[in-house]
Amino acid sequence: MISARGIAVCLLAVASLVTGCERADPDADRAVTARDFPRANRPVSGMAGSPFTTENQRDSVGEAQRVMDLAEIKPGMTVADIGAGEGYYTVRLAEKVGLKGRVLAEDIDRAALERLGQRIERDRLDNVSVKLGTPDDPRLPDRSFDRIFMVHMFHEVEEPYAFLWRLWPALKPDGLVIVVDIDRPSGQHGIDPLLLSCEFERVGFKLDSFKDAPELAGYYAQFKRTANRPQPHEIKACNMDRGAGSQAEKKR
């Protein structure tokens, strides 16, 4: 028979277990480096790439040329291609900026970067380098880029606030971030443009230009850096409703 003291010890142990469960870290499933930032208050799509199936198909509607024209890419610029994948934009940007320019191709998929590296070597693109990033950090050098491209991939970023906060210093003072995406729910490989703008604005960017662009299977948005970025604990997540960057939310 268990003594009264034994029962008390057992009850204490059970209480400790319950308390431990109650105090479990709600961010345990997130990277340690992202936990100072709010979660994305929306679904995040898995990696799927462009809605176009081949590079020839994309060229047939003038996708890359249209985006580069809107972004005013010129010889000698330094640009980053985030989520570069197989390198559709990387190789075209390399040609556009010329030998005096530079292109950094970044991705979190090591295998894709290895294939892209082989393509770069095969095509002798001496003005291109590759960089392995993480879901919450593109790992770009500070004050280095005239343009940073994120084409049909921002809805796949798991930690948008941490990611954009760490991308902010990589722009030159007059640099721009270029986003091409589709106006549909973020869990369906797109993102509402109001929600996109809200997430950018919360970490120290402002919308500079926006265009609906059917030839891009979506829209084109470009952002400038504001004078300051907030501290991570000051950032508030946007609502996840369609139009989560609703005017009421954005004005708070």
Protein backbone atom coordinates (compact mmCIF):
# COMPACT_ATOMS: atom_id res chain seq x y z
CA MET A 1 0.00 0.00 0.00
CA ILE A 2 1.29 3.45 -0.90
CA SER A 3 1.81 5.77 2.05
CA ALA A 4 0.34 9.24 2.24
CA ARG A 5 3.78 10.62 1.62
CA GLY A 6 4.14 8.46 -1.48
CA ILE A 7 0.80 9.69 -2.83
CA ALA A 8 1.89 13.29 -2.26
CA VAL A 9 5.13 12.71 -4.16
CA CYS A 10 3.24 11.14 -7.08
CA LEU A 11 0.77 14.01 -7.19
CA LEU A 12 3.64 16.50 -7.16
CA ALA A 13 5.31 14.68 -10.04
CA VAL A 14 2.08 14.69 -12.09
CA ALA A 15 1.59 18.39 -11.38
CA SER A 16 5.12 19.09 -12.55
CA LEU A 17 4.48 17.22 -15.79
CA VAL A 18 1.25 19.12 -16.41
CA THR A 19 2.93 22.43 -15.66
CA GLY A 20 5.77 21.50 -17.99
CA CYS A 21 3.31 20.82 -20.81
CA GLU A 22 1.52 24.09 -20.15
CA ARG A 23 4.80 25.96 -20.34
CA ALA A 24 6.01 24.28 -23.52
CA ASP A 25 7.63 26.77 -25.87
CA PRO A 26 5.05 27.75 -28.53
CA ASP A 27 7.92 28.54 -30.89
CA ALA A 28 9.60 25.15 -30.51
CA ASP A 29 8.88 24.32 -34.15
CA ARG A 30 10.63 27.47 -35.41
CA ALA A 31 14.30 28.18 -36.04
CA VAL A 32 15.92 29.78 -33.00
CA THR A 33 17.03 32.68 -35.20
CA ALA A 34 13.41 33.48 -36.11
CA ARG A 35 11.84 33.47 -32.66
CA ASP A 36 12.32 37.18 -31.98
CA PHE A 37 9.97 37.90 -34.89
CA PRO A 38 6.22 37.31 -35.25
CA ARG A 39 5.00 34.28 -37.14
CA ALA A 40 3.50 34.66 -40.59
CA ASN A 41 -0.20 34.97 -39.75
CA ARG A 42 -1.16 33.20 -42.98
CA PRO A 43 -0.60 29.88 -44.74
CA VAL A 44 2.80 29.39 -46.36
CA SER A 45 2.96 27.56 -49.69
CA GLY A 46 5.39 24.77 -50.41
CA MET A 47 8.03 25.33 -53.07
CA ALA A 48 6.54 25.08 -56.55
CA GLY A 49 8.38 27.50 -58.82
CA SER A 50 6.94 29.59 -61.64
CA PRO A 51 3.44 28.98 -63.02
CA PHE A 52 5.10 28.59 -66.42
CA THR A 53 6.49 25.15 -67.20
CA THR A 54 9.53 25.93 -69.36
CA GLU A 55 11.94 28.78 -69.93
CA ASN A 56 10.88 28.94 -73.59
CA GLN A 57 7.27 29.36 -72.48
CA ARG A 58 8.27 32.14 -70.13
CA ASP A 59 10.26 33.85 -72.86
CA SER A 60 7.36 33.50 -75.30
CA VAL A 61 5.38 36.01 -73.21
CA GLY A 62 8.42 38.19 -72.56
CA GLU A 63 8.40 37.58 -68.81
CA ALA A 64 12.01 38.27 -67.84
CA GLN A 65 12.42 41.12 -70.31
CA ARG A 66 9.27 42.80 -69.02
CA VAL A 67 10.37 42.50 -65.40
CA MET A 68 13.87 43.78 -66.15
CA ASP A 69 12.43 46.72 -68.10
CA LEU A 70 10.10 47.64 -65.22
CA ALA A 71 13.00 47.34 -62.78
CA GLU A 72 15.20 49.49 -65.07
CA ILE A 73 18.10 47.06 -65.05
CA LYS A 74 21.24 48.59 -66.55
CA PRO A 75 24.78 47.42 -67.31
CA GLY A 76 27.05 47.55 -64.29
CA MET A 77 24.34 46.98 -61.67
CA THR A 78 24.67 44.52 -58.83
CA VAL A 79 21.55 42.40 -58.40
CA ALA A 80 20.37 39.42 -56.34
CA ASP A 81 18.04 36.67 -57.53
CA ILE A 82 16.39 35.23 -54.40
CA GLY A 83 14.94 31.77 -54.83
CA ALA A 84 16.97 31.44 -58.01
CA GLY A 85 16.11 27.77 -58.55
CA GLU A 86 17.27 26.57 -61.96
CA GLY A 87 18.40 30.08 -62.89
CA TYR A 88 15.84 31.44 -65.34
CA TYR A 89 16.30 34.99 -64.07
CA THR A 90 19.92 34.53 -63.05
CA VAL A 91 21.24 33.92 -66.55
CA ARG A 92 19.14 36.71 -68.10
CA LEU A 93 20.14 39.18 -65.42
CA ALA A 94 23.77 38.22 -65.96
CA GLU A 95 23.50 39.15 -69.64
CA LYS A 96 21.64 42.38 -68.84
CA VAL A 97 24.08 43.75 -66.25
CA GLY A 98 27.08 42.75 -68.37
CA LEU A 99 30.62 41.94 -67.39
CA LYS A 100 30.91 45.02 -65.19
CA GLY A 101 27.81 44.01 -63.24
CA ARG A 102 27.30 41.23 -60.71
CA VAL A 103 24.52 38.73 -60.01
CA LEU A 104 24.16 36.78 -56.78
CA ALA A 105 21.88 33.74 -57.10
CA GLU A 106 20.46 32.68 -53.72
CA ASP A 107 18.32 29.71 -52.75
CA ILE A 108 17.69 27.46 -49.73
CA ASP A 109 17.69 24.35 -51.95
CA ARG A 110 21.27 23.09 -52.00
CA ALA A 111 20.62 20.65 -54.87
CA ALA A 112 19.09 23.39 -57.02
CA LEU A 113 22.10 25.63 -56.36
CA GLU A 114 24.46 22.82 -57.36
CA ARG A 115 22.63 22.42 -60.66
CA LEU A 116 22.66 26.17 -61.16
CA GLY A 117 26.37 26.25 -60.43
CA GLN A 118 26.92 23.69 -63.18
CA ARG A 119 24.89 25.83 -65.57
CA ILE A 120 26.87 28.93 -64.66
CA GLU A 121 30.13 27.09 -65.26
CA ARG A 122 28.88 25.59 -68.53
CA ASP A 123 27.69 28.98 -69.83
CA ARG A 124 30.81 30.74 -68.49
CA LEU A 125 28.87 33.34 -66.58
CA ASP A 126 31.83 34.89 -64.79
CA ASN A 127 29.72 37.66 -63.28
CA VAL A 128 27.50 35.25 -61.31
CA SER A 129 28.03 33.72 -57.88
CA VAL A 130 25.75 31.51 -55.78
CA LYS A 131 24.75 31.68 -52.12
CA LEU A 132 22.95 29.20 -49.88
CA GLY A 133 20.41 30.96 -47.66
CA THR A 134 18.07 29.82 -44.91
CA PRO A 135 14.27 30.13 -44.51
CA ASP A 136 14.68 33.19 -42.29
CA ASP A 137 17.84 34.78 -43.70
CA PRO A 138 18.93 35.32 -47.33
CA ARG A 139 22.47 35.95 -46.03
CA LEU A 140 23.19 38.85 -48.36
CA PRO A 141 26.10 41.26 -47.83
CA ASP A 142 25.18 44.71 -46.52
CA ARG A 143 24.69 47.75 -48.81
CA SER A 144 25.50 45.71 -51.90
CA PHE A 145 22.52 45.57 -54.26
CA ASP A 146 20.82 47.91 -56.69
CA ARG A 147 17.98 45.42 -57.14
CA ILE A 148 16.85 42.31 -55.28
CA PHE A 149 14.43 40.02 -57.14
CA MET A 150 11.88 37.65 -55.60
CA VAL A 151 9.86 36.15 -58.44
CA HIS A 152 6.94 33.79 -57.74
CA MET A 153 8.48 32.78 -54.43
CA PHE A 154 7.62 35.21 -51.61
CA HIS A 155 4.53 33.18 -50.67
CA GLU A 156 6.94 30.30 -49.95
CA VAL A 157 8.99 32.23 -47.38
CA GLU A 158 8.35 30.57 -44.02
CA GLU A 159 9.47 33.50 -41.88
CA PRO A 160 8.68 36.65 -43.88
CA TYR A 161 9.32 39.15 -41.07
CA ALA A 162 12.71 37.74 -40.10
CA PHE A 163 13.61 37.23 -43.76
CA LEU A 164 12.74 40.76 -44.88
CA TRP A 165 14.28 42.34 -41.77
CA ARG A 166 17.59 40.67 -42.60
CA LEU A 167 17.28 41.53 -46.28
CA TRP A 168 16.79 45.26 -45.51
CA PRO A 169 20.50 46.09 -44.97
CA ALA A 170 21.52 44.44 -48.26
CA LEU A 171 20.08 47.22 -50.40
CA LYS A 172 22.08 50.23 -51.47
CA PRO A 173 20.47 53.52 -50.36
CA ASP A 174 18.55 53.85 -53.64
CA GLY A 175 18.07 50.10 -54.18
CA LEU A 176 14.77 48.33 -54.83
CA VAL A 177 13.22 44.99 -53.97
CA ILE A 178 11.25 43.55 -56.89
CA VAL A 179 8.42 41.09 -56.23
CA VAL A 180 6.44 39.23 -58.89
CA ASP A 181 3.57 37.13 -57.57
CA ILE A 182 -0.07 36.17 -58.10
CA ASP A 183 -3.11 37.71 -56.41
CA ARG A 184 -4.60 34.68 -54.70
CA PRO A 185 -4.52 33.11 -51.21
CA SER A 186 -1.03 32.49 -49.89
CA GLY A 187 -1.74 28.81 -49.33
CA GLN A 188 -2.37 28.49 -53.08
CA HIS A 189 0.97 29.78 -54.37
CA GLY A 190 0.19 33.46 -54.41
CA ILE A 191 -0.27 36.40 -52.05
CA ASP A 192 -2.77 39.21 -51.87
CA PRO A 193 -0.91 42.42 -52.85
CA LEU A 194 -2.31 44.25 -49.82
CA LEU A 195 -0.95 41.57 -47.53
CA LEU A 196 2.38 41.68 -49.37
CA SER A 197 2.59 45.44 -48.86
CA CYS A 198 1.62 45.10 -45.21
CA GLU A 199 4.35 42.56 -44.47
CA PHE A 200 6.98 44.68 -46.23
CA GLU A 201 5.88 47.86 -44.48
CA ARG A 202 6.01 46.24 -41.04
CA VAL A 203 9.78 45.67 -41.36
CA GLY A 204 10.87 48.98 -42.89
CA PHE A 205 9.96 49.08 -46.58
CA LYS A 206 7.43 51.12 -48.53
CA LEU A 207 5.67 50.35 -51.80
CA ASP A 208 7.22 52.34 -54.63
CA SER A 209 5.41 50.97 -57.69
CA PHE A 210 2.71 48.40 -58.46
CA LYS A 211 1.44 47.09 -61.80
CA ASP A 212 -0.99 44.37 -62.80
CA ALA A 213 0.85 42.37 -65.44
CA PRO A 214 -1.00 39.51 -67.20
CA GLU A 215 2.15 38.60 -69.12
CA LEU A 216 3.75 37.83 -65.75
CA ALA A 217 0.80 35.67 -64.67
CA GLY A 218 0.27 38.08 -61.81
CA TYR A 219 1.52 41.46 -60.65
CA TYR A 220 4.76 43.42 -60.31
CA ALA A 221 5.58 45.31 -57.10
CA GLN A 222 8.71 47.21 -56.11
CA PHE A 223 9.67 48.43 -52.68
CA LYS A 224 12.10 51.00 -51.34
CA ARG A 225 13.79 50.90 -48.00
CA THR A 226 12.58 53.41 -45.41
CA ALA A 227 15.03 55.40 -43.30
CA ASN A 228 14.81 52.97 -40.39
CA ARG A 229 13.70 49.45 -39.65
CA PRO A 230 11.96 48.51 -36.42
CA GLN A 231 13.46 46.27 -33.78
CA PRO A 232 12.22 42.66 -34.05
CA HIS A 233 10.06 42.94 -30.90
CA GLU A 234 8.34 46.03 -32.35
CA ILE A 235 7.06 44.23 -35.45
CA LYS A 236 3.36 43.32 -35.48
CA ALA A 237 2.10 40.56 -37.77
CA CYS A 238 -0.46 41.45 -40.44
CA ASN A 239 -3.88 39.81 -40.39
CA MET A 240 -4.30 36.68 -42.48
CA ASP A 241 -7.67 37.64 -44.02
CA ARG A 242 -7.76 38.07 -47.76
CA GLY A 243 -6.63 41.64 -47.98
CA ALA A 244 -4.93 41.13 -44.63
CA GLY A 245 -3.24 44.41 -45.24
CA SER A 246 -6.69 45.97 -44.97
CA GLN A 247 -6.70 49.71 -44.56
CA ALA A 248 -8.00 49.41 -40.99
CA GLU A 249 -5.17 47.06 -40.05
CA LYS A 250 -2.48 49.05 -41.82
CA LYS A 251 -3.47 52.29 -40.09
CA ARG A 252 -3.12 50.94 -36.56
